[in-house]
Amino acid sequence: MKSTELALKAYKQARKRVDVGYDNYIAACESNGKQTVLLYSDVEPFASINETLFWAMSLYDMASKKQAIEEDIKKFMSGLKFVVNTMKHSESAFDTYAFSHPGVKMSATVTDTPNGPVFEEVNLEPTILFAGFDGKTIPNKNKGQLDNYNKLIKGKSIPQIMATLDLHIQEMIDI
């Protein structure tokens, strides 16, 4: 087995764990009532995201040695590298938890009326989001990673970022 094959299999296995953890979190929220968002203390979401990103970075490194990588993929991976570096080097659990915290997706039907907008059918759904690091001191060598994180990843849901990562992995690796 080639190292790329091993890394790809490990990536796919870790990704499944991310999806299962996310689905379990959403199911727990929904079982506590409609539009409920729970705080959680389970370490699995962090472990599976970290493992997924480790294998994704390994695949990215392997691919970048063999071929030119598109600039948008480089920036996206740089933003994810910021996550990996923070999880690896931070002494504060808060920094790690901030990467994947409970959030809410909100949707509504809005009708424009002469008296202003009228909101109908407002719906809140639990999700897990990548958060920001406002006010944190970041080493200068990681400023580019932080910029890419803020532009491409911050505020987006775990499933959204993982789906984008999957597409970029497919583009880099012949699957």
Protein backbone atom coordinates (compact mmCIF):
# COMPACT_ATOMS: atom_id res chain seq x y z
CA MET A 1 0.00 0.00 0.00
CA LYS A 2 1.32 3.43 -0.93
CA SER A 3 1.46 6.16 1.70
CA THR A 4 -1.10 8.18 -0.29
CA GLU A 5 -3.53 5.25 -0.18
CA LEU A 6 -3.04 4.87 3.58
CA ALA A 7 -3.52 8.60 4.17
CA LEU A 8 -6.65 8.64 1.99
CA LYS A 9 -8.18 5.66 3.83
CA ALA A 10 -7.37 7.24 7.19
CA TYR A 11 -8.83 10.56 6.03
CA LYS A 12 -12.08 8.90 4.93
CA GLN A 13 -12.35 7.01 8.22
CA ALA A 14 -11.80 10.18 10.25
CA ARG A 15 -14.33 12.06 8.10
CA LYS A 16 -16.95 9.43 8.88
CA ARG A 17 -16.30 10.02 12.58
CA VAL A 18 -16.79 13.78 12.08
CA ASP A 19 -20.11 13.14 10.33
CA VAL A 20 -21.30 10.68 12.99
CA GLY A 21 -20.31 13.07 15.78
CA TYR A 22 -22.08 15.96 14.09
CA ASP A 23 -25.22 13.87 13.45
CA ASN A 24 -25.22 12.68 17.07
CA TYR A 25 -24.95 16.27 18.29
CA ILE A 26 -27.85 17.41 16.09
CA ALA A 27 -29.95 14.41 17.20
CA ALA A 28 -29.24 15.25 20.87
CA CYS A 29 -30.31 18.85 20.29
CA GLU A 30 -33.49 17.79 18.51
CA SER A 31 -34.36 15.22 21.19
CA ASN A 32 -34.39 18.07 23.73
CA GLY A 33 -37.01 19.99 21.83
CA LYS A 34 -37.49 21.86 18.62
CA GLN A 35 -34.91 24.57 18.00
CA THR A 36 -32.78 23.54 21.01
CA VAL A 37 -29.03 24.17 20.97
CA LEU A 38 -26.97 22.26 23.55
CA LEU A 39 -23.53 22.91 24.93
CA TYR A 40 -21.47 19.76 24.90
CA SER A 41 -18.43 18.40 26.69
CA ASP A 42 -17.68 15.35 24.53
CA VAL A 43 -14.11 15.35 23.22
CA GLU A 44 -14.96 13.29 20.11
CA PRO A 45 -15.85 16.23 17.86
CA PHE A 46 -12.44 17.78 18.52
CA ALA A 47 -10.56 14.50 18.18
CA SER A 48 -12.22 13.55 14.90
CA ILE A 49 -11.82 17.03 13.40
CA ASN A 50 -8.17 17.13 14.43
CA GLU A 51 -7.55 13.66 12.98
CA THR A 52 -9.34 14.57 9.76
CA LEU A 53 -7.27 17.72 9.39
CA PHE A 54 -4.05 15.81 10.14
CA TRP A 55 -4.72 13.39 7.29
CA ALA A 56 -5.91 16.18 5.00
CA MET A 57 -2.65 18.07 5.61
CA SER A 58 -0.68 14.89 4.93
CA LEU A 59 -2.51 14.42 1.62
CA TYR A 60 -1.99 18.09 0.76
CA ASP A 61 1.74 17.83 1.48
CA MET A 62 2.02 14.68 -0.65
CA ALA A 63 0.10 16.24 -3.53
CA SER A 64 2.02 19.52 -3.43
CA LYS A 65 5.31 17.63 -3.89
CA LYS A 66 4.00 16.02 -7.10
CA GLN A 67 1.97 18.81 -8.71
CA ALA A 68 1.08 22.47 -8.65
CA ILE A 69 -1.84 23.20 -6.33
CA GLU A 70 -4.42 25.83 -7.24
CA GLU A 71 -4.13 29.06 -5.27
CA ASP A 72 -7.66 28.82 -3.81
CA ILE A 73 -6.89 25.36 -2.45
CA LYS A 74 -3.58 26.59 -0.98
CA LYS A 75 -5.38 29.40 0.86
CA PHE A 76 -8.12 27.09 2.13
CA MET A 77 -5.56 24.57 3.37
CA SER A 78 -3.56 27.40 4.96
CA GLY A 79 -6.66 28.41 6.92
CA LEU A 80 -7.12 24.83 8.09
CA LYS A 81 -3.43 24.69 9.00
CA PHE A 82 -4.16 27.52 11.43
CA VAL A 83 -6.71 25.23 13.12
CA VAL A 84 -4.17 22.40 13.31
CA ASN A 85 -1.44 24.65 14.70
CA THR A 86 -3.73 26.15 17.32
CA MET A 87 -5.00 22.74 18.43
CA LYS A 88 -1.44 21.45 18.59
CA HIS A 89 0.24 24.37 20.34
CA SER A 90 -2.43 26.09 22.45
CA GLU A 91 -2.23 25.69 26.20
CA SER A 92 -5.87 26.70 26.59
CA ALA A 93 -8.71 24.27 26.00
CA PHE A 94 -10.85 27.33 25.24
CA ASP A 95 -8.88 27.95 22.04
CA THR A 96 -9.55 24.39 20.91
CA TYR A 97 -13.23 24.50 21.86
CA ALA A 98 -13.64 27.80 20.02
CA PHE A 99 -12.97 26.06 16.72
CA SER A 100 -16.12 24.01 16.92
CA HIS A 101 -18.77 25.52 19.09
CA PRO A 102 -22.54 25.19 19.04
CA GLY A 103 -24.27 27.62 16.75
CA VAL A 104 -27.58 28.26 15.07
CA LYS A 105 -28.64 28.32 11.44
CA MET A 106 -31.58 30.65 11.12
CA SER A 107 -34.00 30.81 8.23
CA ALA A 108 -37.15 32.84 7.76
CA THR A 109 -39.61 33.93 5.17
CA VAL A 110 -39.55 37.71 4.94
CA THR A 111 -42.24 39.74 3.23
CA ASP A 112 -41.63 43.38 2.36
CA THR A 113 -44.61 45.53 3.35
CA PRO A 114 -45.21 49.30 3.40
CA ASN A 115 -44.69 49.17 7.18
CA GLY A 116 -41.36 47.35 6.88
CA PRO A 117 -40.37 43.71 6.65
CA VAL A 118 -42.57 41.02 8.18
CA PHE A 119 -40.81 37.85 9.37
CA GLU A 120 -42.74 34.61 9.10
CA GLU A 121 -41.81 30.97 9.53
CA VAL A 122 -38.66 31.67 11.52
CA ASN A 123 -36.72 28.44 12.01
CA LEU A 124 -33.63 27.83 14.13
CA GLU A 125 -31.49 24.74 13.59
CA PRO A 126 -28.55 23.68 15.75
CA THR A 127 -25.16 23.40 14.08
CA ILE A 128 -21.47 23.44 14.97
CA LEU A 129 -19.46 26.38 13.66
CA PHE A 130 -15.83 27.34 13.24
CA ALA A 131 -15.42 30.44 15.42
CA GLY A 132 -13.06 33.38 15.56
CA PHE A 133 -10.05 34.35 17.61
CA ASP A 134 -10.58 38.04 17.99
CA GLY A 135 -8.09 39.66 20.31
CA LYS A 136 -5.75 36.65 20.51
CA THR A 137 -2.03 37.20 20.00
CA ILE A 138 -0.87 35.22 16.96
CA PRO A 139 2.79 34.73 16.01
CA ASN A 140 3.71 36.70 12.86
CA LYS A 141 4.57 33.49 11.01
CA ASN A 142 0.90 32.41 11.36
CA LYS A 143 -0.71 35.73 10.29
CA GLY A 144 -1.28 34.47 6.72
CA GLN A 145 -2.92 31.31 8.05
CA LEU A 146 -5.13 33.38 10.34
CA ASP A 147 -6.12 35.68 7.47
CA ASN A 148 -7.06 32.68 5.34
CA TYR A 149 -8.93 31.15 8.26
CA ASN A 150 -10.91 34.36 8.80
CA LYS A 151 -11.73 34.75 5.10
CA LEU A 152 -12.54 31.14 4.20
CA ILE A 153 -13.47 29.16 7.30
CA LYS A 154 -14.56 31.32 10.24
CA GLY A 155 -18.32 31.35 10.79
CA LYS A 156 -19.01 28.39 8.53
CA SER A 157 -20.44 25.11 9.74
CA ILE A 158 -18.39 21.96 10.23
CA PRO A 159 -20.33 20.10 7.48
CA GLN A 160 -19.83 22.99 5.04
CA ILE A 161 -16.06 23.14 5.62
CA MET A 162 -15.71 19.34 5.55
CA ALA A 163 -17.59 19.18 2.22
CA THR A 164 -15.25 21.81 0.77
CA LEU A 165 -12.26 19.92 2.13
CA ASP A 166 -13.55 16.70 0.53
CA LEU A 167 -13.77 18.44 -2.85
CA HIS A 168 -10.26 19.84 -2.55
CA ILE A 169 -8.87 16.43 -1.56
CA GLN A 170 -10.55 14.92 -4.63
CA GLU A 171 -9.04 17.62 -6.84
CA MET A 172 -5.55 17.04 -5.44
CA ILE A 173 -5.60 13.25 -5.30
CA ASP A 174 -6.74 11.02 -8.16
CA ILE A 175 -9.64 9.18 -6.55
